[in-house]
């Protein structure tokens, strides 16, 4: 089946509108349409299942085992950015 060539979206001259009458500036419709056209649609939801009792100590153990198995001392786990204090 033939495909239609995609046309690159035109970047708007101004990303904001309003503000001249004392109102707050806001993202213009043209800017919104431009950014949604050039950026992929984000994933709508993610389901993450963690067992009861999963905490920093289990995560640290998993990271240590994975680092040992891969011979990497700098390996990061996918949840590492979300580990804050004593909770995930």
C-alpha atoms as a PDB file:
ATOM      1  CA  UNK A   1       0.000   0.000   0.000  1.00  0.00           C
ATOM      2  CA  UNK A   2       1.343   3.452  -0.863  1.00  0.00           C
ATOM      3  CA  UNK A   3       2.309   5.664   2.036  1.00  0.00           C
ATOM      4  CA  UNK A   4       1.665   9.365   2.219  1.00  0.00           C
ATOM      5  CA  UNK A   5       4.751  11.443   2.913  1.00  0.00           C
ATOM      6  CA  UNK A   6       4.665  13.173   6.250  1.00  0.00           C
ATOM      7  CA  UNK A   7       5.078  16.918   6.262  1.00  0.00           C
ATOM      8  CA  UNK A   8       7.131  18.431   9.058  1.00  0.00           C
ATOM      9  CA  UNK A   9       4.975  20.670  11.238  1.00  0.00           C
ATOM     10  CA  UNK A  10       5.548  24.394  10.992  1.00  0.00           C
ATOM     11  CA  UNK A  11       6.998  25.910  14.178  1.00  0.00           C
ATOM     12  CA  UNK A  12       4.734  28.757  15.318  1.00  0.00           C
ATOM     13  CA  UNK A  13       6.147  32.281  15.493  1.00  0.00           C
ATOM     14  CA  UNK A  14       5.086  32.573  19.132  1.00  0.00           C
ATOM     15  CA  UNK A  15       4.663  29.817  21.690  1.00  0.00           C
ATOM     16  CA  UNK A  16       2.461  31.931  23.974  1.00  0.00           C
ATOM     17  CA  UNK A  17      -0.651  33.999  23.612  1.00  0.00           C
ATOM     18  CA  UNK A  18      -2.390  36.502  25.850  1.00  0.00           C
ATOM     19  CA  UNK A  19      -0.819  38.652  28.526  1.00  0.00           C
ATOM     20  CA  UNK A  20      -1.340  42.020  26.867  1.00  0.00           C
ATOM     21  CA  UNK A  21      -4.522  42.750  28.813  1.00  0.00           C
ATOM     22  CA  UNK A  22      -3.137  41.803  32.236  1.00  0.00           C
ATOM     23  CA  UNK A  23      -3.974  38.090  31.932  1.00  0.00           C
ATOM     24  CA  UNK A  24      -1.335  35.395  32.234  1.00  0.00           C
ATOM     25  CA  UNK A  25       0.318  34.218  29.053  1.00  0.00           C
ATOM     26  CA  UNK A  26      -0.567  30.677  28.081  1.00  0.00           C
ATOM     27  CA  UNK A  27       0.575  28.109  25.566  1.00  0.00           C
ATOM     28  CA  UNK A  28      -0.947  28.915  22.202  1.00  0.00           C
ATOM     29  CA  UNK A  29      -3.037  26.372  20.315  1.00  0.00           C
ATOM     30  CA  UNK A  30      -0.512  26.465  17.463  1.00  0.00           C
ATOM     31  CA  UNK A  31       2.325  25.680  19.900  1.00  0.00           C
ATOM     32  CA  UNK A  32       0.350  22.822  21.445  1.00  0.00           C
ATOM     33  CA  UNK A  33      -0.357  21.329  18.014  1.00  0.00           C
ATOM     34  CA  UNK A  34       3.312  21.752  17.025  1.00  0.00           C
ATOM     35  CA  UNK A  35       4.674  20.011  20.139  1.00  0.00           C
ATOM     36  CA  UNK A  36       2.162  17.165  19.981  1.00  0.00           C
ATOM     37  CA  UNK A  37       3.011  16.624  16.304  1.00  0.00           C
ATOM     38  CA  UNK A  38       6.780  16.378  16.855  1.00  0.00           C
ATOM     39  CA  UNK A  39       6.679  14.379  20.116  1.00  0.00           C
ATOM     40  CA  UNK A  40       5.475  10.791  20.296  1.00  0.00           C
ATOM     41  CA  UNK A  41       2.329  10.019  22.233  1.00  0.00           C
ATOM     42  CA  UNK A  42       3.332   9.159  25.799  1.00  0.00           C
ATOM     43  CA  UNK A  43       2.393   5.884  27.421  1.00  0.00           C
ATOM     44  CA  UNK A  44      -0.908   6.375  29.157  1.00  0.00           C
ATOM     45  CA  UNK A  45      -0.340   4.135  32.153  1.00  0.00           C
ATOM     46  CA  UNK A  46       2.155   1.798  33.719  1.00  0.00           C
ATOM     47  CA  UNK A  47       1.308  -0.997  36.108  1.00  0.00           C
ATOM     48  CA  UNK A  48       4.080  -1.835  38.545  1.00  0.00           C
ATOM     49  CA  UNK A  49       3.567  -4.721  40.918  1.00  0.00           C
ATOM     50  CA  UNK A  50       5.718  -4.895  44.042  1.00  0.00           C
ATOM     51  CA  UNK A  51       5.376  -7.616  46.604  1.00  0.00           C
ATOM     52  CA  UNK A  52       4.477  -6.838  50.209  1.00  0.00           C
ATOM     53  CA  UNK A  53       7.638  -6.055  52.142  1.00  0.00           C
ATOM     54  CA  UNK A  54       9.572  -4.788  49.121  1.00  0.00           C
ATOM     55  CA  UNK A  55      11.745  -1.978  50.380  1.00  0.00           C
ATOM     56  CA  UNK A  56      15.199  -0.457  50.061  1.00  0.00           C
ATOM     57  CA  UNK A  57      16.895  -3.463  51.642  1.00  0.00           C
ATOM     58  CA  UNK A  58      15.470  -5.869  49.025  1.00  0.00           C
ATOM     59  CA  UNK A  59      16.274  -3.414  46.228  1.00  0.00           C
ATOM     60  CA  UNK A  60      19.865  -3.082  47.467  1.00  0.00           C
ATOM     61  CA  UNK A  61      20.210  -6.865  47.592  1.00  0.00           C
ATOM     62  CA  UNK A  62      18.854  -7.215  44.033  1.00  0.00           C
ATOM     63  CA  UNK A  63      21.235  -4.517  42.784  1.00  0.00           C
ATOM     64  CA  UNK A  64      24.202  -6.213  44.491  1.00  0.00           C
ATOM     65  CA  UNK A  65      23.354  -9.601  42.976  1.00  0.00           C
ATOM     66  CA  UNK A  66      22.898  -8.097  39.509  1.00  0.00           C
ATOM     67  CA  UNK A  67      26.193  -6.172  39.779  1.00  0.00           C
ATOM     68  CA  UNK A  68      27.965  -9.364  40.850  1.00  0.00           C
ATOM     69  CA  UNK A  69      26.470 -11.357  37.956  1.00  0.00           C
ATOM     70  CA  UNK A  70      27.339  -8.712  35.348  1.00  0.00           C
ATOM     71  CA  UNK A  71      30.759  -7.787  36.833  1.00  0.00           C
ATOM     72  CA  UNK A  72      29.697  -4.123  36.835  1.00  0.00           C
ATOM     73  CA  UNK A  73      30.262  -1.908  39.842  1.00  0.00           C
ATOM     74  CA  UNK A  74      28.194   0.984  38.417  1.00  0.00           C
ATOM     75  CA  UNK A  75      25.070  -0.839  37.212  1.00  0.00           C
ATOM     76  CA  UNK A  76      21.808   0.989  38.015  1.00  0.00           C
ATOM     77  CA  UNK A  77      18.450  -0.676  38.485  1.00  0.00           C
ATOM     78  CA  UNK A  78      15.348   0.723  36.769  1.00  0.00           C
ATOM     79  CA  UNK A  79      13.838   1.766  40.133  1.00  0.00           C
ATOM     80  CA  UNK A  80      17.004   3.518  41.397  1.00  0.00           C
ATOM     81  CA  UNK A  81      15.836   7.033  40.421  1.00  0.00           C
ATOM     82  CA  UNK A  82      12.691   6.505  42.519  1.00  0.00           C
ATOM     83  CA  UNK A  83      14.453   5.331  45.681  1.00  0.00           C
ATOM     84  CA  UNK A  84      14.005   8.205  48.125  1.00  0.00           C
ATOM     85  CA  UNK A  85      14.974   7.849  51.763  1.00  0.00           C
ATOM     86  CA  UNK A  86      13.469   4.689  53.156  1.00  0.00           C
ATOM     87  CA  UNK A  87      10.687   4.217  50.594  1.00  0.00           C
ATOM     88  CA  UNK A  88      10.333   3.434  46.929  1.00  0.00           C
END
